[in-house]
Protein backbone atom coordinates (compact mmCIF):
# COMPACT_ATOMS: atom_id res chain seq x y z
CA MET A 1 87.92 63.24 145.23
CA ASN A 2 85.14 64.11 142.55
CA GLN A 3 82.47 62.57 144.98
CA GLN A 4 83.67 64.78 147.70
CA ILE A 5 83.40 67.98 145.27
CA GLY A 6 79.99 66.59 144.24
CA LYS A 7 78.60 66.24 147.87
CA LYS A 8 80.14 69.73 148.71
CA ALA A 9 78.40 71.22 145.63
CA GLU A 10 75.02 69.59 146.54
CA ASP A 11 75.31 70.75 150.22
CA CYS A 12 75.78 74.31 148.93
CA ALA A 13 73.06 74.11 146.42
CA GLU A 14 70.68 72.84 148.89
CA ARG A 15 71.51 75.64 151.59
CA TYR A 16 71.43 78.39 148.52
CA LEU A 17 67.93 77.19 147.34
CA ILE A 18 66.56 76.86 151.08
CA ALA A 19 67.56 80.72 151.48
CA GLN A 20 65.79 81.48 148.26
CA GLY A 21 62.46 79.93 149.97
CA LEU A 22 62.59 76.18 148.45
CA THR A 23 62.05 73.38 150.79
CA THR A 24 63.76 70.12 150.54
CA LEU A 25 61.76 66.68 149.87
CA ALA A 26 64.69 64.19 149.27
CA ARG A 27 68.20 63.94 148.25
CA ASN A 28 70.05 61.73 145.78
CA VAL A 29 67.10 59.73 144.69
CA CYS A 30 68.03 56.70 142.49
CA CYS A 31 66.59 54.47 140.10
CA LYS A 32 67.69 52.55 137.16
CA TYR A 33 67.80 55.40 134.86
CA GLY A 34 69.92 57.65 137.02
CA GLU A 35 69.80 59.85 140.27
CA ILE A 36 68.21 63.19 140.95
CA ASP A 37 70.57 65.30 143.08
CA ILE A 38 67.86 67.16 145.21
CA ILE A 39 64.05 67.19 145.02
CA MET A 40 62.68 70.47 146.32
CA GLN A 41 59.40 72.25 146.60
CA GLN A 42 58.58 75.86 145.58
CA GLY A 43 55.05 76.51 146.58
CA ALA A 44 53.00 73.60 144.73
CA THR A 45 55.78 72.98 142.34
CA VAL A 46 58.05 70.01 142.61
CA VAL A 47 61.75 71.03 141.65
CA PHE A 48 64.05 68.22 140.39
CA VAL A 49 67.52 70.02 140.49
CA GLU A 50 70.64 68.70 138.92
CA VAL A 51 73.84 70.22 140.85
CA ARG A 52 76.90 70.35 138.61
CA ALA A 53 80.52 71.46 139.60
CA ARG A 54 83.33 72.02 137.13
CA LYS A 55 86.85 72.62 138.18
CA HIS A 56 87.92 73.57 134.76
CA LYS A 57 85.82 75.26 132.06
CA ARG A 58 88.13 75.20 129.21
CA PHE A 59 85.83 73.53 126.94
CA GLN A 60 82.25 74.31 128.56
CA THR A 61 80.87 75.54 131.80
CA ALA A 62 79.37 73.54 134.55
CA ALA A 63 75.68 74.44 133.39
CA GLY A 64 76.80 73.31 129.84
CA THR A 65 77.35 69.94 130.50
CA ILE A 66 73.58 69.37 130.93
CA ASN A 67 73.15 67.87 127.43
CA TYR A 68 69.97 66.39 125.67
CA HIS A 69 70.96 62.95 126.73
CA LYS A 70 71.47 63.99 130.27
CA GLN A 71 68.10 65.74 130.11
CA GLN A 72 66.35 62.74 128.78
CA ARG A 73 67.76 60.65 131.74
CA LEU A 74 66.62 63.26 134.31
CA ILE A 75 63.24 63.34 132.85
CA ARG A 76 62.89 59.34 132.98
CA THR A 77 64.27 59.45 136.47
CA ALA A 78 61.87 62.00 137.75
CA SER A 79 58.98 60.09 136.06
CA ILE A 80 59.78 56.94 138.04
CA VAL A 81 60.18 59.34 141.25
CA ILE A 82 56.74 60.71 140.76
CA GLN A 83 55.25 57.25 140.46
CA ARG A 84 57.05 56.05 143.66
CA MET A 85 55.93 59.18 145.62
CA PRO A 86 52.14 59.45 145.12
CA ALA A 87 52.25 62.93 147.18
CA LEU A 88 54.15 64.32 144.09
CA GLN A 89 51.59 63.21 141.47
CA ASP A 90 49.14 65.68 139.85
CA ARG A 91 51.55 68.58 140.76
CA PRO A 92 53.47 71.08 138.35
CA ILE A 93 57.08 70.07 138.02
CA ARG A 94 60.11 71.98 136.64
CA PHE A 95 63.80 71.02 136.16
CA ASP A 96 66.47 73.45 137.63
CA VAL A 97 70.17 73.45 137.43
CA VAL A 98 72.48 74.73 140.01
CA ALA A 99 76.07 75.19 138.63
CA TYR A 100 79.36 75.92 140.16
CA ASP A 101 82.46 76.85 138.13
CA THR A 102 84.95 76.05 141.07
CA SER A 103 88.04 77.53 138.98
CA SER A 104 86.38 80.89 139.18
CA LYS A 105 87.11 83.27 142.17
CA ASN A 106 83.86 83.91 142.43
CA ARG A 107 82.03 80.76 143.24
CA GLN A 108 78.53 81.88 143.45
CA ALA A 109 75.76 79.55 142.48
CA GLN A 110 74.44 79.71 139.09
CA TRP A 111 70.76 79.07 139.40
CA ILE A 112 68.94 78.20 136.27
CA GLN A 113 65.19 77.79 136.80
CA GLN A 114 63.40 75.86 134.26
CA ALA A 115 66.59 74.89 132.75
CA PHE A 116 64.61 72.38 130.47
CA ASP A 117 61.39 70.79 130.41
CA ALA A 118 59.86 67.34 129.71
CA SER A 119 57.91 68.56 126.58
CA ASN A 120 60.76 68.36 124.26
């Protein structure tokens, strides 16, 4: 069930970002550190997108679940992806989050650009 919700959220996020002018480069890219949900491009910038969906926000919102540990895993994963994909090297990167709080009646995407960076 959670995988279906996650896949649907990723599909919605991808469509939303494409409508905002981004181009999809890859989806669900895995390595030993983790997975990047969507890799997109906006101009020359490579955008690593983490998609989050939460049914209940009793304790925190979907966007609030991207803690420091998760950020570090995403940064390490992105580093491996860049090494594997030479076309991405020497380009600016950023980490975005697209979050959906599915318990809300207004289920619009919350797009957080430059949600965190690799310099921390």
